[in-house]
Amino acid sequence: MAAVEVLPSEQGFARTHAKDAAEETRVFSDEHIAKAHAQLVETFRSGRTKTYEWRKAQLEGLRRLCVENSEQVCKAIISDLGRPKMEAFLGDVTAVVTEIDHTLQHLQSWMQPEAVATPMIQKPGRSCIIREPKGVVLQIAPWNFPVNLSLMGLIAGLAAGNCCLLKPSEIAPSTEELLAKLLPKYVDPEAVIVINGGIPESAALLKLRWDHILYTGNGVVARAVARAAAEHLTPITLELGGKSPTIVLPGANIPVAARRILAGKFFNCGQICIAPDYALVHKDAEAQLVKEMQGLVKSWYGEDASTSDSFGRIINERHWDRVRGLIESSGAEVLAQPGEADQASKFIPPTLLRDPSVDSAIMQEEIFGPVLPIVKMDSVEGMIDHINAGEKPLAMYIFGPEAAADRIIARTSSGGVCVNDTVYHILNPDLPFGGVGGSGIGRYHGKWGFDEFSHVRSVMYRATWLDLPQRYPPYSDSNLKMMEKLLVGPLVPPGMKKALAAVGGVAVAGAALAARSRL
């Protein structure tokens, strides 16, 4: 397989992924995986997944799974990630239930044919768009939100009427096992199949022909997914990440900004694809923001965050090594770091760094951990230049007046933007969630997910009571001239248009005078 470029922001994940791949053991054989795929194909060809009733039943099943098993879900996530129960419940239970409720509320209207205009030359007739399921969908989910990002894809895929094969992340084994056990009890087991395992299983899955692939994770694996999909011309959705910047401008509400930036950064121990990766802070706001943040870290987590029930852990030792290495090689001043990093418990303290070297790994690679570099900037222009010099991020956060934020938005690009908060934009089901460039391809959530997993089909109905002979051979010059006037114009010569306009103007003026004379 030919080598591919690895972006600077992906270097850390590339090293960690290579180590993980070296220790994989097989769970399912190629034959088992092929049979699962064949079952899904057979189910889809039966046609039963296309009805509203079937789709509604699957969504209601997913909702019951979350509600009836919320305690088990939270325990599995705590086991895998050491996440506080509040964060497990909010991030992987309530977010999914909210998405299901929104989808159920709107599904019937989304499924209706959409009428569109029909040009005059194509009348008598009518036109519409219908959204039909693509077929059999492969979803490869990540470990950081192992229930949320497994079920969110299923919500969109099943709402659109597809059969789905879910490959959860083997790096979160408790959640992987729980999903494999629970899903067949709540959804159609012939239309939704879970395949556990690691890289060998993923490689076997990617050899098969799918009608759509959703992959959430890092850019290194995404390239392998994209290459495999290209073999079958399979459409893909890639939800990736990158270095999502936070900008703090003069005029920002600094106490609110400090709370919201740190809340977004430290949720799930910073292991969020849309976490604020680093902060670019205007020199006029930097001192106050640093002071606020230092106070918050102490008040939230105390002198030692490892004893706090409100702070999580890194997923495994390899990622612990990666994050720890980023801190140690940053060359930055440590502003806050309550507690000592401990590999055995996978604890990295919430860390604030001031002015790391711009060439350091922490300013080049996606951090994906509880570390916030704070970089003081002299101007907004410098902030914009810094962002535009890198890959387009999945998210961007701007704190300050909305007018100033709009000017930055107009001169940069990112998957999404949230002004005066972090992370919250992905909770709105009417907003698409997706990246651009190196941060991803495609989008989902709400109607956007329904459309992503649907084939948008054009349909035109033509009447037969009128059938002009001029469209058929033998062709003639007179027919050609008529077609030119109809299709290219002008149908009415400009001189005649002026004359008709003048006559119309006189008629209107005369009518107005007549009306006045009757008053």
Protein backbone atom coordinates (compact mmCIF):
# COMPACT_ATOMS: atom_id res chain seq x y z
CA MET A 1 0.00 0.00 0.00
CA ALA A 2 1.40 3.39 -0.98
CA ALA A 3 2.47 5.75 1.79
CA VAL A 4 0.29 8.80 2.31
CA GLU A 5 0.99 12.19 3.80
CA VAL A 6 0.27 12.55 7.50
CA LEU A 7 -0.67 16.10 8.49
CA PRO A 8 1.21 17.74 11.40
CA SER A 9 -1.95 17.68 13.55
CA GLU A 10 -2.17 13.89 13.02
CA GLN A 11 1.40 12.92 13.96
CA GLY A 12 0.63 11.90 17.55
CA PHE A 13 -2.34 9.77 16.57
CA ALA A 14 -0.29 8.15 13.79
CA ARG A 15 2.35 7.00 16.30
CA THR A 16 -0.24 5.75 18.79
CA HIS A 17 -2.29 3.99 16.10
CA ALA A 18 0.76 2.12 14.80
CA LYS A 19 1.47 0.73 18.28
CA ASP A 20 -2.15 -0.33 18.75
CA ALA A 21 -2.16 -2.11 15.39
CA ALA A 22 0.86 -4.21 16.31
CA GLU A 23 -0.98 -5.96 19.16
CA GLU A 24 -4.34 -6.79 17.55
CA THR A 25 -5.94 -10.21 18.00
CA ARG A 26 -8.76 -11.50 15.84
CA VAL A 27 -12.36 -11.66 17.15
CA PHE A 28 -14.43 -12.38 14.00
CA SER A 29 -13.33 -14.25 10.88
CA ASP A 30 -13.65 -12.91 7.34
CA GLU A 31 -16.36 -15.54 6.74
CA HIS A 32 -18.43 -14.34 9.69
CA ILE A 33 -18.12 -10.75 8.53
CA ALA A 34 -19.10 -11.68 4.95
CA LYS A 35 -22.19 -13.50 6.24
CA ALA A 36 -23.19 -10.47 8.32
CA HIS A 37 -22.87 -8.25 5.25
CA ALA A 38 -24.92 -10.68 3.14
CA GLN A 39 -27.65 -10.73 5.80
CA LEU A 40 -27.90 -6.94 5.69
CA VAL A 41 -28.06 -6.94 1.90
CA GLU A 42 -30.84 -9.52 1.96
CA THR A 43 -32.79 -7.55 4.57
CA PHE A 44 -32.54 -4.34 2.61
CA ARG A 45 -33.65 -6.01 -0.62
CA SER A 46 -36.77 -7.25 1.18
CA GLY A 47 -37.97 -3.63 1.22
CA ARG A 48 -39.16 -3.63 4.82
CA THR A 49 -36.75 -0.94 5.98
CA LYS A 50 -38.30 1.65 3.68
CA THR A 51 -41.57 2.08 5.57
CA TYR A 52 -42.19 4.81 8.11
CA GLU A 53 -43.46 2.25 10.61
CA TRP A 54 -40.22 0.23 10.50
CA ARG A 55 -38.01 3.30 10.84
CA LYS A 56 -40.09 4.64 13.73
CA ALA A 57 -39.88 1.29 15.54
CA GLN A 58 -36.07 1.24 15.27
CA LEU A 59 -35.74 4.76 16.64
CA GLU A 60 -38.10 4.00 19.50
CA GLY A 61 -36.03 0.90 20.22
CA LEU A 62 -32.83 2.94 20.42
CA ARG A 63 -34.56 5.35 22.79
CA ARG A 64 -35.64 2.51 25.08
CA LEU A 65 -32.10 1.12 25.00
CA CYS A 66 -30.74 4.42 26.34
CA VAL A 67 -33.46 5.02 28.94
CA GLU A 68 -33.78 1.47 30.27
CA ASN A 69 -30.03 0.89 30.41
CA SER A 70 -28.69 4.33 31.32
CA GLU A 71 -27.07 2.96 34.48
CA GLN A 72 -25.26 0.21 32.55
CA VAL A 73 -24.19 2.70 29.88
CA CYS A 74 -22.73 5.06 32.48
CA LYS A 75 -20.91 2.22 34.24
CA ALA A 76 -19.36 1.03 30.98
CA ILE A 77 -18.17 4.52 30.09
CA ILE A 78 -16.77 5.08 33.56
CA SER A 79 -14.95 1.75 33.27
CA ASP A 80 -13.46 2.66 29.88
CA LEU A 81 -12.73 6.36 30.35
CA GLY A 82 -12.88 7.07 34.08
CA ARG A 83 -15.39 9.76 33.21
CA PRO A 84 -17.53 11.41 35.93
CA LYS A 85 -21.04 9.97 35.95
CA MET A 86 -22.56 13.38 35.18
CA GLU A 87 -20.45 13.64 32.03
CA ALA A 88 -21.24 10.04 31.04
CA PHE A 89 -24.97 10.67 31.40
CA LEU A 90 -24.99 14.03 29.60
CA GLY A 91 -22.56 13.08 26.83
CA ASP A 92 -23.69 9.57 25.97
CA VAL A 93 -27.30 9.21 27.14
CA THR A 94 -29.22 12.49 27.08
CA ALA A 95 -27.59 13.73 23.87
CA VAL A 96 -28.69 10.55 22.08
CA VAL A 97 -32.24 10.66 23.48
CA THR A 98 -32.58 14.30 22.42
CA GLU A 99 -31.49 13.46 18.86
CA ILE A 100 -33.95 10.55 18.69
CA ASP A 101 -36.83 12.71 19.92
CA HIS A 102 -36.08 15.38 17.32
CA THR A 103 -35.87 12.77 14.57
CA LEU A 104 -39.13 11.09 15.57
CA GLN A 105 -40.87 14.46 15.65
CA HIS A 106 -39.89 15.30 12.07
CA LEU A 107 -39.37 11.94 10.34
CA GLN A 108 -42.71 11.76 8.52
CA SER A 109 -42.26 15.21 7.00
CA TRP A 110 -38.66 14.43 5.99
CA MET A 111 -39.86 11.32 4.15
CA GLN A 112 -42.46 13.18 2.08
CA PRO A 113 -41.69 13.95 -1.58
CA GLU A 114 -40.51 17.54 -1.99
CA ALA A 115 -42.26 19.40 -4.80
CA VAL A 116 -40.08 21.68 -6.91
CA ALA A 117 -40.81 24.05 -9.78
CA THR A 118 -41.09 22.81 -13.37
CA PRO A 119 -39.91 25.15 -16.17
CA MET A 120 -42.52 26.35 -18.65
CA ILE A 121 -40.90 24.49 -21.55
CA GLN A 122 -41.36 21.18 -19.67
CA LYS A 123 -45.03 21.66 -18.93
CA PRO A 124 -47.55 20.12 -18.70
CA GLY A 125 -45.81 18.20 -15.93
CA ARG A 126 -44.62 18.33 -12.36
CA SER A 127 -41.33 17.65 -10.57
CA CYS A 128 -40.33 16.43 -7.13
CA ILE A 129 -37.46 15.09 -5.06
CA ILE A 130 -37.73 11.86 -3.13
CA ARG A 131 -35.25 10.71 -0.51
CA GLU A 132 -34.71 6.99 -0.50
CA PRO A 133 -32.32 4.87 1.59
CA LYS A 134 -28.89 4.25 0.14
CA GLY A 135 -28.84 0.61 1.22
CA VAL A 136 -26.30 -1.04 3.54
CA VAL A 137 -24.20 1.32 5.65
CA LEU A 138 -20.94 0.68 7.52
CA GLN A 139 -20.35 2.79 10.63
CA ILE A 140 -16.95 2.73 12.35
CA ALA A 141 -17.26 4.48 15.71
CA PRO A 142 -14.58 5.99 17.99
CA TRP A 143 -13.75 5.42 21.66
CA ASN A 144 -14.07 8.90 23.14
CA PHE A 145 -17.90 9.00 23.17
CA PRO A 146 -18.44 5.30 22.54
CA VAL A 147 -22.23 5.21 22.91
CA ASN A 148 -23.05 8.66 21.57
CA LEU A 149 -20.98 8.34 18.41
CA SER A 150 -22.15 4.77 17.80
CA LEU A 151 -25.85 5.52 18.17
CA MET A 152 -25.88 8.97 16.53
CA GLY A 153 -24.84 7.38 13.25
CA LEU A 154 -27.45 4.64 13.68
CA ILE A 155 -30.16 7.24 14.29
CA ALA A 156 -29.43 8.92 10.96
CA GLY A 157 -28.90 5.68 9.07
CA LEU A 158 -32.06 3.97 10.34
CA ALA A 159 -34.19 7.10 10.00
CA ALA A 160 -33.20 7.14 6.34
CA GLY A 161 -34.27 3.48 6.00
CA ASN A 162 -30.87 1.80 5.73
CA CYS A 163 -29.49 -1.42 7.15
CA CYS A 164 -26.43 -0.75 9.30
CA LEU A 165 -23.33 -2.60 10.43
CA LEU A 166 -21.80 -0.98 13.50
CA LYS A 167 -18.13 -1.44 14.35
CA PRO A 168 -17.64 0.03 17.86
CA SER A 169 -14.17 0.90 19.09
CA GLU A 170 -12.20 -1.91 20.69
CA ILE A 171 -10.28 0.72 22.70
CA ALA A 172 -13.41 1.14 24.88
CA PRO A 173 -14.01 -2.58 25.53
CA SER A 174 -16.72 -2.34 28.20
CA THR A 175 -18.90 -0.18 25.98
CA GLU A 176 -18.11 -2.29 22.92
CA GLU A 177 -19.33 -5.42 24.72
CA LEU A 178 -22.43 -3.66 26.06
CA LEU A 179 -23.51 -2.41 22.63
CA ALA A 180 -23.10 -5.87 21.11
CA LYS A 181 -25.27 -7.32 23.87
CA LEU A 182 -28.02 -4.68 23.93
CA LEU A 183 -28.60 -3.63 20.32
CA PRO A 184 -30.11 -6.94 19.08
CA LYS A 185 -32.69 -6.70 21.88
CA TYR A 186 -33.96 -3.27 20.83
CA VAL A 187 -33.64 -3.04 17.04
CA ASP A 188 -34.20 -5.39 14.10
CA PRO A 189 -31.27 -7.86 14.42
CA GLU A 190 -31.42 -8.64 10.70
CA ALA A 191 -31.00 -4.98 9.85
CA VAL A 192 -28.52 -3.83 12.51
CA ILE A 193 -25.47 -5.99 13.21
CA VAL A 194 -22.56 -5.28 15.55
CA ILE A 195 -19.08 -6.54 14.72
CA ASN A 196 -16.57 -6.24 17.57
CA GLY A 197 -12.83 -6.47 17.23
CA GLY A 198 -9.98 -4.29 16.10
CA ILE A 199 -7.98 -3.44 13.03
CA PRO A 200 -8.22 -6.92 11.39
CA GLU A 201 -12.02 -6.76 11.57
CA SER A 202 -12.06 -3.20 10.27
CA ALA A 203 -9.79 -4.18 7.38
CA ALA A 204 -12.06 -7.10 6.49
CA LEU A 205 -15.12 -4.86 6.61
CA LEU A 206 -13.51 -2.29 4.34
CA LYS A 207 -12.90 -4.91 1.64
CA LEU A 208 -16.64 -5.32 1.19
CA ARG A 209 -18.94 -3.17 -0.90
CA TRP A 210 -21.06 -0.74 1.10
CA ASP A 211 -23.57 1.89 0.00
CA HIS A 212 -22.19 4.43 2.47
CA ILE A 213 -19.44 4.52 5.12
CA LEU A 214 -19.39 6.73 8.21
CA TYR A 215 -16.05 6.91 10.00
CA THR A 216 -15.39 8.99 13.09
CA GLY A 217 -11.82 9.26 14.32
CA ASN A 218 -8.44 10.53 13.15
CA GLY A 219 -7.16 11.49 9.75
CA VAL A 220 -4.63 8.67 9.53
CA VAL A 221 -7.32 5.97 9.60
CA ALA A 222 -9.68 8.17 7.57
CA ARG A 223 -7.29 8.00 4.62
CA ALA A 224 -7.33 4.21 4.76
CA VAL A 225 -11.14 4.28 4.87
CA ALA A 226 -11.27 6.68 1.93
CA ARG A 227 -8.92 4.53 -0.15
CA ALA A 228 -10.99 1.42 0.54
CA ALA A 229 -14.22 3.25 -0.28
CA ALA A 230 -12.74 4.49 -3.55
CA GLU A 231 -12.34 0.91 -4.75
CA HIS A 232 -16.13 0.60 -4.87
CA LEU A 233 -16.93 4.30 -5.46
CA THR A 234 -18.67 4.28 -2.08
CA PRO A 235 -19.71 7.67 -0.66
CA ILE A 236 -18.20 8.47 2.73
CA THR A 237 -18.74 10.68 5.74
CA LEU A 238 -15.56 11.40 7.69
CA GLU A 239 -15.88 13.10 11.06
CA LEU A 240 -12.33 13.95 12.12
CA GLY A 241 -10.87 16.73 14.26
CA GLY A 242 -7.76 18.88 14.17
CA LYS A 243 -6.66 21.88 16.17
CA SER A 244 -9.83 23.83 16.96
CA PRO A 245 -8.81 27.34 18.01
CA THR A 246 -10.37 29.61 20.61
CA ILE A 247 -10.05 33.37 20.10
CA VAL A 248 -10.51 35.83 22.98
CA LEU A 249 -10.96 39.43 21.87
CA PRO A 250 -11.00 42.76 23.69
CA GLY A 251 -14.53 43.36 24.91
CA ALA A 252 -15.14 39.71 25.76
CA ASN A 253 -16.88 38.86 29.03
CA ILE A 254 -13.74 37.38 30.56
CA PRO A 255 -15.26 35.56 33.58
CA VAL A 256 -17.83 33.85 31.33
CA ALA A 257 -15.24 33.15 28.65
CA ALA A 258 -12.89 31.52 31.16
CA ARG A 259 -15.63 29.22 32.49
CA ARG A 260 -16.92 28.20 29.09
CA ILE A 261 -13.49 27.60 27.56
CA LEU A 262 -12.36 25.40 30.45
CA ALA A 263 -15.70 23.55 30.58
CA GLY A 264 -15.30 22.66 26.91
CA LYS A 265 -11.63 21.78 27.35
CA PHE A 266 -11.86 19.56 30.43
CA PHE A 267 -15.11 17.70 29.65
CA ASN A 268 -14.19 14.04 29.10
CA CYS A 269 -10.62 14.97 30.08
CA GLY A 270 -10.25 16.93 26.83
CA GLN A 271 -10.89 13.88 24.65
CA ILE A 272 -13.40 15.58 22.34
CA CYS A 273 -12.90 16.19 18.63
CA ILE A 274 -14.34 19.69 19.02
CA ALA A 275 -12.58 20.59 22.29
CA PRO A 276 -10.88 24.00 22.34
CA ASP A 277 -7.39 22.89 21.34
CA TYR A 278 -5.56 26.13 22.15
CA ALA A 279 -6.42 29.75 22.92
CA LEU A 280 -5.27 32.81 21.01
CA VAL A 281 -5.79 35.69 23.43
CA HIS A 282 -5.48 39.39 22.63
CA LYS A 283 -2.77 41.03 24.69
CA ASP A 284 -5.33 43.38 26.27
CA ALA A 285 -7.32 40.42 27.65
CA GLU A 286 -4.60 37.87 28.41
CA ALA A 287 -3.70 38.77 32.00
CA GLN A 288 -7.30 38.84 33.21
CA LEU A 289 -8.17 35.61 31.40
CA VAL A 290 -5.17 33.78 32.89
CA LYS A 291 -6.07 34.95 36.39
CA GLU A 292 -9.68 33.83 35.97
CA MET A 293 -8.67 30.44 34.61
CA GLN A 294 -6.15 29.79 37.38
CA GLY A 295 -8.82 30.50 39.97
CA LEU A 296 -11.34 28.25 38.22
CA VAL A 297 -8.97 25.27 37.99
CA LYS A 298 -8.34 25.48 41.74
CA SER A 299 -12.01 26.00 42.69
CA TRP A 300 -13.23 23.20 40.39
CA TYR A 301 -10.61 20.54 41.12
CA GLY A 302 -8.80 21.58 44.31
CA GLU A 303 -5.09 21.10 44.93
CA ASP A 304 -5.09 17.61 43.39
CA ALA A 305 -7.52 16.87 40.57
CA SER A 306 -6.86 13.13 40.90
CA THR A 307 -9.03 13.18 44.04
CA SER A 308 -11.89 15.04 42.30
CA ASP A 309 -15.09 13.25 41.32
CA SER A 310 -15.53 15.81 38.52
CA PHE A 311 -12.46 15.01 36.43
CA GLY A 312 -11.90 12.05 34.11
CA ARG A 313 -8.95 10.02 32.89
CA ILE A 314 -7.07 9.38 29.64
CA ILE A 315 -8.33 6.33 27.71
CA ASN A 316 -5.11 4.25 27.91
CA GLU A 317 -1.41 4.31 28.66
CA ARG A 318 -0.35 5.02 25.09
CA HIS A 319 -2.46 8.15 24.87
CA TRP A 320 -1.24 9.08 28.37
CA ASP A 321 2.34 8.90 27.06
CA ARG A 322 1.38 11.00 24.04
CA VAL A 323 -0.28 13.79 26.06
CA ARG A 324 2.44 13.80 28.70
CA GLY A 325 5.04 14.11 25.97
CA LEU A 326 3.24 17.11 24.49
CA ILE A 327 3.38 18.92 27.84
CA GLU A 328 7.03 18.14 28.50
CA SER A 329 8.22 19.20 25.04
CA SER A 330 6.16 22.41 24.89
CA GLY A 331 8.75 24.80 26.33
CA ALA A 332 5.84 26.64 27.97
CA GLU A 333 5.29 28.21 31.37
CA VAL A 334 2.97 26.04 33.47
CA LEU A 335 0.22 28.27 34.85
CA ALA A 336 -1.88 25.59 36.57
CA GLN A 337 -1.47 21.85 37.05
CA PRO A 338 -3.17 20.52 40.18
CA GLY A 339 -1.74 17.07 40.88
CA GLU A 340 0.99 14.78 39.57
CA ALA A 341 0.52 12.85 36.34
CA ASP A 342 0.23 9.12 36.99
CA GLN A 343 0.42 6.54 34.21
CA ALA A 344 -0.99 3.68 36.26
CA SER A 345 -4.28 5.51 36.82
CA LYS A 346 -4.05 7.27 33.42
CA PHE A 347 -4.32 10.64 35.20
CA ILE A 348 -3.12 13.83 33.55
CA PRO A 349 -3.98 16.93 35.61
CA PRO A 350 -5.89 19.81 34.02
CA THR A 351 -3.04 21.92 32.70
CA LEU A 352 -2.75 25.53 31.58
CA LEU A 353 0.34 26.48 29.57
CA ARG A 354 1.47 29.97 28.60
CA ASP A 355 3.20 30.74 25.31
CA PRO A 356 4.52 27.36 24.15
CA SER A 357 6.98 27.37 21.29
CA VAL A 358 5.11 27.76 18.01
CA ASP A 359 7.20 24.91 16.58
CA SER A 360 6.54 22.55 19.52
CA ALA A 361 4.48 19.39 19.03
CA ILE A 362 1.71 20.74 21.23
CA MET A 363 1.14 23.59 18.77
CA GLN A 364 1.33 21.29 15.76
CA GLU A 365 -0.54 18.12 16.82
CA GLU A 366 -4.12 17.74 17.99
CA ILE A 367 -3.87 17.55 21.79
CA PHE A 368 -6.93 15.44 22.67
CA GLY A 369 -6.24 15.81 26.37
CA PRO A 370 -6.78 18.19 29.33
CA VAL A 371 -4.09 20.68 28.31
CA LEU A 372 -4.80 24.25 27.15
CA PRO A 373 -1.96 26.28 25.61
CA ILE A 374 -2.60 30.03 25.91
CA VAL A 375 -0.88 32.19 23.31
CA LYS A 376 -0.82 35.98 23.68
CA MET A 377 -1.39 37.79 20.38
CA ASP A 378 -0.80 41.44 19.51
CA SER A 379 -3.58 41.75 16.94
CA VAL A 380 -6.67 40.15 15.50
CA GLU A 381 -4.88 40.10 12.15
CA GLY A 382 -2.20 37.89 13.66
CA MET A 383 -4.84 35.52 15.02
CA ILE A 384 -6.45 35.17 11.61
CA ASP A 385 -3.09 34.55 9.94
CA HIS A 386 -2.22 31.87 12.50
CA ILE A 387 -5.50 30.00 11.94
CA ASN A 388 -5.33 30.24 8.16
CA ALA A 389 -1.75 28.92 8.14
CA GLY A 390 -2.94 25.52 9.43
CA GLU A 391 -5.47 22.92 8.36
CA LYS A 392 -9.12 23.91 8.51
CA PRO A 393 -10.38 22.92 11.99
CA LEU A 394 -13.54 21.08 12.95
CA ALA A 395 -14.62 23.92 15.25
CA MET A 396 -13.70 27.49 16.07
CA TYR A 397 -14.65 29.50 19.14
CA ILE A 398 -14.68 33.27 19.37
CA PHE A 399 -15.28 35.26 22.55
CA GLY A 400 -16.05 38.94 22.09
CA PRO A 401 -18.55 41.27 20.40
CA GLU A 402 -20.58 39.59 17.67
CA ALA A 403 -19.62 42.19 15.06
CA ALA A 404 -15.93 41.46 15.65
CA ALA A 405 -16.62 37.73 15.59
CA ASP A 406 -18.40 38.05 12.25
CA ARG A 407 -15.34 39.69 10.72
CA ILE A 408 -13.18 36.74 11.81
CA ILE A 409 -15.73 34.22 10.58
CA ALA A 410 -15.75 35.91 7.17
CA ARG A 411 -11.96 35.51 6.82
CA THR A 412 -11.48 31.97 8.11
CA SER A 413 -12.90 28.50 7.53
CA SER A 414 -13.92 25.74 9.93
CA GLY A 415 -16.47 22.97 10.23
CA GLY A 416 -18.54 24.99 12.70
CA VAL A 417 -18.31 28.13 14.83
CA CYS A 418 -19.64 28.97 18.26
CA VAL A 419 -19.50 32.59 19.41
CA ASN A 420 -19.20 33.21 23.16
CA ASP A 421 -19.34 29.52 24.07
CA THR A 422 -17.69 26.20 23.28
CA VAL A 423 -19.10 22.85 22.10
CA TYR A 424 -22.75 23.97 22.41
CA HIS A 425 -23.30 24.41 18.69
CA ILE A 426 -23.35 20.64 18.11
CA LEU A 427 -26.33 20.28 20.48
CA ASN A 428 -28.65 22.09 18.07
CA PRO A 429 -30.15 19.36 15.83
CA ASP A 430 -31.01 21.93 13.17
CA LEU A 431 -27.32 22.73 12.66
CA PRO A 432 -25.16 20.37 10.57
CA PHE A 433 -22.16 18.80 12.30
CA GLY A 434 -19.20 18.13 10.06
CA GLY A 435 -15.75 19.23 9.04
CA VAL A 436 -14.06 20.80 6.06
CA GLY A 437 -10.78 19.83 4.42
CA GLY A 438 -8.58 17.99 6.89
CA SER A 439 -11.28 18.02 9.58
CA GLY A 440 -13.78 15.94 7.66
CA ILE A 441 -16.13 15.28 4.78
CA GLY A 442 -19.92 15.37 4.97
CA ARG A 443 -22.22 16.23 7.84
CA TYR A 444 -24.98 14.82 9.99
CA HIS A 445 -27.33 15.47 12.97
CA GLY A 446 -31.05 16.06 12.51
CA LYS A 447 -32.30 16.51 8.95
CA TRP A 448 -28.69 16.79 7.79
CA GLY A 449 -28.05 13.21 8.88
CA PHE A 450 -31.25 11.98 7.25
CA ASP A 451 -30.13 13.58 3.98
CA GLU A 452 -26.55 12.31 4.32
CA PHE A 453 -27.73 8.70 4.41
CA SER A 454 -30.40 9.17 1.75
CA HIS A 455 -30.14 9.09 -2.01
CA VAL A 456 -31.76 12.29 -3.24
CA ARG A 457 -33.66 11.15 -6.32
CA SER A 458 -35.05 13.46 -9.00
CA VAL A 459 -38.47 12.57 -10.39
CA MET A 460 -40.45 14.26 -13.17
CA TYR A 461 -44.01 13.38 -14.23
CA ARG A 462 -45.02 14.45 -17.75
CA ALA A 463 -48.57 14.65 -19.10
CA THR A 464 -49.42 12.93 -22.38
CA TRP A 465 -52.39 15.01 -23.54
CA LEU A 466 -50.04 17.52 -25.17
CA ASP A 467 -47.11 16.32 -27.32
CA LEU A 468 -45.67 18.97 -29.64
CA PRO A 469 -44.35 17.47 -32.88
CA GLN A 470 -41.56 20.06 -33.19
CA ARG A 471 -39.33 18.08 -30.79
CA TYR A 472 -39.19 15.05 -33.07
CA PRO A 473 -37.48 14.40 -36.43
CA PRO A 474 -37.51 15.33 -39.19
CA TYR A 475 -36.01 18.65 -38.00
CA SER A 476 -36.55 21.89 -39.92
CA ASP A 477 -35.14 25.41 -39.86
CA SER A 478 -38.46 26.82 -38.73
CA ASN A 479 -38.56 24.38 -35.82
CA LEU A 480 -34.98 25.31 -34.93
CA LYS A 481 -35.83 29.03 -34.87
CA MET A 482 -38.84 28.36 -32.69
CA MET A 483 -36.71 26.31 -30.28
CA GLU A 484 -34.09 29.06 -30.17
CA LYS A 485 -36.74 31.58 -29.18
CA LEU A 486 -38.30 29.29 -26.62
CA LEU A 487 -35.07 28.08 -25.03
CA VAL A 488 -32.60 30.91 -25.56
CA GLY A 489 -34.80 33.90 -26.29
CA PRO A 490 -35.88 36.48 -26.71
CA LEU A 491 -39.33 35.05 -27.28
CA VAL A 492 -40.59 38.62 -27.61
CA PRO A 493 -38.26 41.03 -29.52
CA PRO A 494 -36.94 43.96 -27.41
CA GLY A 495 -38.67 46.56 -29.61
CA MET A 496 -42.02 44.85 -29.15
CA LYS A 497 -41.41 44.60 -25.40
CA LYS A 498 -40.93 48.39 -25.24
CA ALA A 499 -44.04 48.98 -27.30
CA LEU A 500 -46.10 46.65 -25.13
CA ALA A 501 -44.73 48.33 -22.01
CA ALA A 502 -45.65 51.74 -23.38
CA VAL A 503 -49.16 50.58 -24.28
CA GLY A 504 -49.49 49.04 -20.86
CA GLY A 505 -48.35 52.26 -19.19
CA VAL A 506 -50.87 54.34 -21.13
CA ALA A 507 -53.63 51.87 -20.24
CA VAL A 508 -52.76 52.04 -16.54
CA ALA A 509 -52.66 55.84 -16.58
CA GLY A 510 -56.00 56.00 -18.39
CA ALA A 511 -57.59 53.65 -15.87
CA ALA A 512 -56.28 55.78 -13.03
CA LEU A 513 -57.72 58.97 -14.53
CA ALA A 514 -61.06 57.29 -15.13
CA ALA A 515 -61.13 56.11 -11.52
CA ARG A 516 -60.42 59.63 -10.26
CA SER A 517 -63.14 61.14 -12.44
CA ARG A 518 -65.68 58.90 -10.74
CA LEU A 519 -64.76 60.20 -7.30
